[in-house]
Amino acid sequence: MTRAQFLDMMMHFTSYRPQGEAGGSRVALSAIRDHMAFLHPDITGETEDLHIERYTRLALLLLFGCVLFPNTSGSKVSMRFLHHLQELDGLPQYSWGVAVLVYLYRSICRASMGPAVDICGFLPLLQVTTFSNTLFISPNSIW
């Protein structure tokens, strides 16, 4: 998809279209955060569901781009996640843990094979996986 198509999709799903950014399928995290801060005071008990769903999609886009599937720039999120945010009711059907782990392993692989200096991905998951799969040997259990 082109950037214009991604931006149209973002406008359709979130009623937000970032302005003044050039190139690629990524959008600045700060622009999304600023727009969410602008929308937040408007959310009350009487807010219509469509407005809440659009705000939720923006929050999930930040979750995907900042926590679960970050990139090495640290300041942009890929709009490719918009496809998964079409139907919010369908999100629990995806195996997100596996997707996050695969993304992390691919990032580690790329970092180990090239001139990369950073690893992107949900690193706490790597720590938990390593900790839970490590054989603990105490000084008293020598063969």
Foldseek 3Di string as FASTA:
>chain_A
DFCVVLQVLLCVQQVDGDPDDDDDQKDFLVVLVVVLVVCVVVDDPPDDPSNVLNSVLSVVQCCCDQAQQHDPVNTITGSPCSVVSPDPVCVVVDPSVVVQVVNQVVQVVVCVPDPDDDGDGNVVVVVVVCVVPDDDDDPVPDD
